[in-house]
Amino acid sequence: MGIIPQSYLMNARSNLIDEIQSFSAKYGIAETSIGSFALKDSRFVGRLRAGGGVSLRSVEKLHDWLRSESLRRSSLRLPDLSFDPNDKRESCAAIPAYAANTVLFSDHP
């Protein structure tokens, strides 16, 4: 087994940080929270940025969490019910069927 070149390790670290940053920006979750939820280690990203090492198992756990959390969060997205003033259809026809039976506002506390 050969030695892994330093440039490969630095690129892998940079890619992992990029993944974390992208997820953080997309879902509005702090990088420290990602470390806490995925690895129970809020200092993980900071150590990674500082050049600290990471085990393959930690990377696998992080990727598993990012994947499952991304799926969970995307399934919670609300449908786009934006109003288009140029839509010439009847007002009720412009509302998707699943939203027509949904109460969005209520007079009751």
N, C-alpha and C. Protein backbone atom coordinates (compact mmCIF):
# COMPACT_ATOMS: atom_id res chain seq x y z
N MET A 1 0.85 -1.17 0.00
CA MET A 1 0.00 0.00 0.00
C MET A 1 0.89 1.23 0.00
N GLY A 2 0.59 2.17 -0.91
CA GLY A 2 1.39 3.38 -1.02
C GLY A 2 0.91 4.47 -0.09
N ILE A 3 1.67 5.52 -0.05
CA ILE A 3 1.32 6.68 0.76
C ILE A 3 0.40 7.59 -0.05
N ILE A 4 -0.63 8.10 0.58
CA ILE A 4 -1.58 9.00 -0.09
C ILE A 4 -0.94 10.38 -0.19
N PRO A 5 -0.89 10.95 -1.39
CA PRO A 5 -0.29 12.27 -1.57
C PRO A 5 -1.02 13.34 -0.76
N GLN A 6 -0.28 14.28 -0.20
CA GLN A 6 -0.85 15.36 0.60
C GLN A 6 -1.87 16.18 -0.19
N SER A 7 -1.60 16.39 -1.49
CA SER A 7 -2.52 17.18 -2.31
C SER A 7 -3.90 16.51 -2.40
N TYR A 8 -3.93 15.18 -2.44
CA TYR A 8 -5.19 14.46 -2.49
C TYR A 8 -5.97 14.67 -1.20
N LEU A 9 -5.28 14.60 -0.06
CA LEU A 9 -5.93 14.78 1.23
C LEU A 9 -6.47 16.20 1.39
N MET A 10 -5.70 17.18 0.93
CA MET A 10 -6.14 18.57 1.04
C MET A 10 -7.36 18.81 0.15
N ASN A 11 -7.38 18.21 -1.03
CA ASN A 11 -8.52 18.34 -1.93
C ASN A 11 -9.76 17.67 -1.33
N ALA A 12 -9.60 16.52 -0.73
CA ALA A 12 -10.71 15.81 -0.10
C ALA A 12 -11.27 16.63 1.06
N ARG A 13 -10.38 17.23 1.86
CA ARG A 13 -10.81 18.07 2.98
C ARG A 13 -11.59 19.28 2.46
N SER A 14 -11.06 19.91 1.42
CA SER A 14 -11.71 21.08 0.82
C SER A 14 -13.09 20.72 0.27
N ASN A 15 -13.19 19.58 -0.38
CA ASN A 15 -14.48 19.12 -0.92
C ASN A 15 -15.50 18.87 0.20
N LEU A 16 -15.04 18.30 1.29
CA LEU A 16 -15.92 18.02 2.42
C LEU A 16 -16.42 19.33 3.04
N ILE A 17 -15.52 20.30 3.19
CA ILE A 17 -15.91 21.61 3.71
C ILE A 17 -16.91 22.27 2.77
N ASP A 18 -16.68 22.16 1.47
CA ASP A 18 -17.61 22.73 0.49
C ASP A 18 -19.01 22.10 0.61
N GLU A 19 -19.06 20.79 0.82
CA GLU A 19 -20.35 20.11 0.98
C GLU A 19 -21.08 20.64 2.21
N ILE A 20 -20.35 20.81 3.29
CA ILE A 20 -20.94 21.30 4.53
C ILE A 20 -21.43 22.74 4.35
N GLN A 21 -20.62 23.58 3.71
CA GLN A 21 -21.02 24.97 3.45
C GLN A 21 -22.27 25.03 2.58
N SER A 22 -22.33 24.22 1.56
CA SER A 22 -23.49 24.20 0.66
C SER A 22 -24.76 23.80 1.40
N PHE A 23 -24.66 22.76 2.20
CA PHE A 23 -25.80 22.30 2.97
C PHE A 23 -26.24 23.38 3.95
N SER A 24 -25.27 23.99 4.61
CA SER A 24 -25.55 25.06 5.57
C SER A 24 -26.29 26.22 4.91
N ALA A 25 -25.82 26.63 3.75
CA ALA A 25 -26.45 27.74 3.03
C ALA A 25 -27.84 27.37 2.51
N LYS A 26 -27.98 26.17 1.99
CA LYS A 26 -29.25 25.74 1.40
C LYS A 26 -30.36 25.62 2.43
N TYR A 27 -30.03 25.09 3.61
CA TYR A 27 -31.06 24.81 4.61
C TYR A 27 -31.02 25.76 5.81
N GLY A 28 -30.07 26.70 5.81
CA GLY A 28 -30.02 27.68 6.89
C GLY A 28 -29.69 27.07 8.24
N ILE A 29 -28.79 26.13 8.25
CA ILE A 29 -28.38 25.47 9.49
C ILE A 29 -26.89 25.74 9.70
N ALA A 30 -26.51 26.09 10.91
CA ALA A 30 -25.13 26.42 11.22
C ALA A 30 -24.21 25.20 11.03
N GLU A 31 -23.00 25.47 10.62
CA GLU A 31 -22.03 24.39 10.41
C GLU A 31 -21.74 23.65 11.72
N THR A 32 -21.72 24.38 12.83
CA THR A 32 -21.50 23.71 14.12
C THR A 32 -22.66 22.77 14.45
N SER A 33 -23.87 23.16 14.03
CA SER A 33 -25.03 22.29 14.26
C SER A 33 -24.95 21.04 13.40
N ILE A 34 -24.45 21.19 12.19
CA ILE A 34 -24.27 20.01 11.33
C ILE A 34 -23.33 19.02 12.00
N GLY A 35 -22.22 19.51 12.52
CA GLY A 35 -21.28 18.65 13.24
C GLY A 35 -21.92 18.00 14.45
N SER A 36 -22.72 18.79 15.17
CA SER A 36 -23.39 18.26 16.37
C SER A 36 -24.39 17.17 16.03
N PHE A 37 -25.23 17.45 15.03
CA PHE A 37 -26.27 16.48 14.68
C PHE A 37 -25.69 15.23 14.02
N ALA A 38 -24.75 15.42 13.11
CA ALA A 38 -24.23 14.29 12.34
C ALA A 38 -23.24 13.44 13.14
N LEU A 39 -22.40 14.11 13.93
CA LEU A 39 -21.30 13.39 14.59
C LEU A 39 -21.25 13.58 16.10
N LYS A 40 -22.20 14.36 16.62
CA LYS A 40 -22.20 14.71 18.04
C LYS A 40 -20.89 15.42 18.41
N ASP A 41 -20.44 16.29 17.48
CA ASP A 41 -19.18 17.02 17.65
C ASP A 41 -19.30 18.40 17.01
N SER A 42 -19.64 19.40 17.81
CA SER A 42 -19.86 20.75 17.28
C SER A 42 -18.57 21.41 16.79
N ARG A 43 -17.44 20.88 17.18
CA ARG A 43 -16.15 21.46 16.77
C ARG A 43 -15.55 20.79 15.53
N PHE A 44 -16.27 19.85 14.97
CA PHE A 44 -15.77 19.08 13.84
C PHE A 44 -15.34 19.95 12.66
N VAL A 45 -16.22 20.86 12.22
CA VAL A 45 -15.95 21.68 11.04
C VAL A 45 -14.78 22.62 11.31
N GLY A 46 -14.72 23.19 12.51
CA GLY A 46 -13.60 24.07 12.86
C GLY A 46 -12.27 23.34 12.81
N ARG A 47 -12.25 22.13 13.34
CA ARG A 47 -11.01 21.34 13.29
C ARG A 47 -10.65 20.97 11.86
N LEU A 48 -11.65 20.67 11.07
CA LEU A 48 -11.44 20.33 9.66
C LEU A 48 -10.84 21.52 8.92
N ARG A 49 -11.39 22.71 9.17
CA ARG A 49 -10.87 23.94 8.54
C ARG A 49 -9.43 24.23 8.97
N ALA A 50 -9.12 23.87 10.19
CA ALA A 50 -7.77 24.12 10.73
C ALA A 50 -6.76 23.08 10.26
N GLY A 51 -7.22 22.13 9.44
CA GLY A 51 -6.30 21.12 8.91
C GLY A 51 -6.30 19.82 9.67
N GLY A 52 -7.22 19.67 10.61
CA GLY A 52 -7.30 18.44 11.39
C GLY A 52 -7.73 17.25 10.56
N GLY A 53 -7.37 16.10 11.01
CA GLY A 53 -7.71 14.86 10.30
C GLY A 53 -9.14 14.43 10.56
N VAL A 54 -9.59 13.54 9.75
CA VAL A 54 -10.94 13.00 9.89
C VAL A 54 -10.91 11.53 9.47
N SER A 55 -11.63 10.72 10.20
CA SER A 55 -11.66 9.30 9.87
C SER A 55 -12.67 9.03 8.76
N LEU A 56 -12.46 7.95 8.07
CA LEU A 56 -13.38 7.54 7.02
C LEU A 56 -14.76 7.30 7.60
N ARG A 57 -14.81 6.73 8.78
CA ARG A 57 -16.10 6.47 9.44
C ARG A 57 -16.85 7.78 9.70
N SER A 58 -16.14 8.82 10.12
CA SER A 58 -16.78 10.13 10.35
C SER A 58 -17.33 10.71 9.06
N VAL A 59 -16.57 10.58 7.98
CA VAL A 59 -17.03 11.07 6.68
C VAL A 59 -18.29 10.31 6.25
N GLU A 60 -18.30 9.00 6.45
CA GLU A 60 -19.47 8.20 6.10
C GLU A 60 -20.69 8.61 6.93
N LYS A 61 -20.49 8.82 8.24
CA LYS A 61 -21.59 9.23 9.10
C LYS A 61 -22.11 10.61 8.69
N LEU A 62 -21.19 11.52 8.37
CA LEU A 62 -21.59 12.85 7.93
C LEU A 62 -22.40 12.78 6.64
N HIS A 63 -21.90 12.03 5.66
CA HIS A 63 -22.62 11.89 4.39
C HIS A 63 -23.99 11.24 4.58
N ASP A 64 -24.07 10.24 5.44
CA ASP A 64 -25.35 9.59 5.72
C ASP A 64 -26.34 10.59 6.31
N TRP A 65 -25.85 11.41 7.25
CA TRP A 65 -26.73 12.40 7.88
C TRP A 65 -27.15 13.47 6.87
N LEU A 66 -26.20 13.98 6.09
CA LEU A 66 -26.53 15.00 5.09
C LEU A 66 -27.58 14.49 4.11
N ARG A 67 -27.42 13.26 3.67
CA ARG A 67 -28.36 12.66 2.71
C ARG A 67 -29.74 12.51 3.34
N SER A 68 -29.81 11.93 4.52
CA SER A 68 -31.12 11.70 5.15
C SER A 68 -31.78 13.02 5.54
N GLU A 69 -31.01 13.97 6.02
CA GLU A 69 -31.57 15.26 6.41
C GLU A 69 -32.04 16.05 5.19
N SER A 70 -31.31 15.94 4.11
CA SER A 70 -31.71 16.61 2.87
C SER A 70 -33.04 16.04 2.38
N LEU A 71 -33.19 14.73 2.39
CA LEU A 71 -34.45 14.09 1.99
C LEU A 71 -35.58 14.50 2.92
N ARG A 72 -35.31 14.51 4.21
CA ARG A 72 -36.33 14.89 5.18
C ARG A 72 -36.78 16.33 4.97
N ARG A 73 -35.83 17.22 4.81
CA ARG A 73 -36.16 18.63 4.65
C ARG A 73 -36.85 18.90 3.31
N SER A 74 -36.46 18.21 2.26
CA SER A 74 -37.11 18.44 0.97
C SER A 74 -38.54 17.91 0.96
N SER A 75 -38.84 16.89 1.75
CA SER A 75 -40.20 16.38 1.83
C SER A 75 -41.10 17.29 2.64
N LEU A 76 -40.53 18.20 3.40
CA LEU A 76 -41.31 19.14 4.21
C LEU A 76 -41.62 20.43 3.47
N ARG A 77 -41.08 20.59 2.29
CA ARG A 77 -41.30 21.82 1.52
C ARG A 77 -42.77 21.99 1.18
N LEU A 78 -43.23 23.21 1.32
CA LEU A 78 -44.62 23.52 0.97
C LEU A 78 -44.73 23.73 -0.53
N PRO A 79 -45.88 23.44 -1.09
CA PRO A 79 -46.07 23.67 -2.53
C PRO A 79 -46.06 25.16 -2.83
N ASP A 80 -45.72 25.50 -4.03
CA ASP A 80 -45.71 26.89 -4.47
C ASP A 80 -47.14 27.33 -4.77
N LEU A 81 -47.68 28.19 -3.93
CA LEU A 81 -49.03 28.70 -4.11
C LEU A 81 -49.00 30.18 -4.47
N SER A 82 -47.95 30.59 -5.14
CA SER A 82 -47.82 32.01 -5.47
C SER A 82 -48.94 32.46 -6.39
N PHE A 83 -49.33 33.69 -6.24
CA PHE A 83 -50.42 34.27 -7.02
C PHE A 83 -49.87 34.90 -8.28
N ASP A 84 -50.46 34.57 -9.41
CA ASP A 84 -50.07 35.17 -10.69
C ASP A 84 -51.22 36.05 -11.16
N PRO A 85 -51.06 37.39 -11.09
CA PRO A 85 -52.15 38.28 -11.49
C PRO A 85 -52.50 38.17 -12.98
N ASN A 86 -51.62 37.60 -13.79
CA ASN A 86 -51.87 37.45 -15.22
C ASN A 86 -52.58 36.14 -15.57
N ASP A 87 -52.81 35.31 -14.55
CA ASP A 87 -53.49 34.04 -14.78
C ASP A 87 -54.96 34.32 -15.08
N LYS A 88 -55.41 33.94 -16.27
CA LYS A 88 -56.78 34.24 -16.72
C LYS A 88 -57.79 33.17 -16.34
N ARG A 89 -57.31 32.09 -15.71
CA ARG A 89 -58.25 31.05 -15.31
C ARG A 89 -59.12 31.53 -14.16
N GLU A 90 -60.22 30.82 -13.90
CA GLU A 90 -61.06 31.16 -12.76
C GLU A 90 -60.25 31.00 -11.49
N SER A 91 -60.54 31.80 -10.51
CA SER A 91 -59.72 31.84 -9.30
C SER A 91 -59.59 30.48 -8.62
N CYS A 92 -60.66 29.71 -8.54
CA CYS A 92 -60.57 28.40 -7.90
C CYS A 92 -59.77 27.41 -8.73
N ALA A 93 -59.83 27.55 -10.03
CA ALA A 93 -59.12 26.62 -10.91
C ALA A 93 -57.61 26.83 -10.81
N ALA A 94 -57.19 28.03 -10.42
CA ALA A 94 -55.77 28.32 -10.33
C ALA A 94 -55.15 27.72 -9.08
N ILE A 95 -55.97 27.29 -8.13
CA ILE A 95 -55.46 26.70 -6.88
C ILE A 95 -55.36 25.20 -7.07
N PRO A 96 -54.20 24.62 -6.78
CA PRO A 96 -54.06 23.16 -6.90
C PRO A 96 -55.08 22.44 -6.02
N ALA A 97 -55.49 21.27 -6.45
CA ALA A 97 -56.54 20.52 -5.77
C ALA A 97 -56.18 20.24 -4.31
N TYR A 98 -54.93 19.92 -4.01
CA TYR A 98 -54.55 19.60 -2.64
C TYR A 98 -54.61 20.84 -1.75
N ALA A 99 -54.48 22.04 -2.31
CA ALA A 99 -54.52 23.27 -1.51
C ALA A 99 -55.95 23.77 -1.35
N ALA A 100 -56.85 23.40 -2.24
CA ALA A 100 -58.22 23.88 -2.19
C ALA A 100 -58.92 23.46 -0.91
N ASN A 101 -58.54 22.30 -0.36
CA ASN A 101 -59.17 21.79 0.86
C ASN A 101 -58.35 22.09 2.10
N THR A 102 -57.32 22.89 1.97
CA THR A 102 -56.45 23.20 3.10
C THR A 102 -56.80 24.57 3.66
N VAL A 103 -56.95 24.65 4.97
CA VAL A 103 -57.22 25.93 5.62
C VAL A 103 -55.89 26.61 5.87
N LEU A 104 -55.70 27.76 5.22
CA LEU A 104 -54.46 28.49 5.40
C LEU A 104 -54.56 29.51 6.52
N PHE A 105 -55.76 30.08 6.71
CA PHE A 105 -55.98 31.07 7.75
C PHE A 105 -57.27 30.72 8.47
N SER A 106 -57.34 31.05 9.72
CA SER A 106 -58.51 30.74 10.48
C SER A 106 -58.86 31.88 11.42
N ASP A 107 -60.14 32.08 11.67
CA ASP A 107 -60.58 33.09 12.62
C ASP A 107 -60.44 32.61 14.05
N HIS A 108 -60.28 31.32 14.21
CA HIS A 108 -60.22 30.73 15.55
C HIS A 108 -58.81 30.83 16.12
N PRO A 109 -58.70 31.15 17.41
CA PRO A 109 -57.36 31.23 18.05
C PRO A 109 -56.70 29.90 18.20
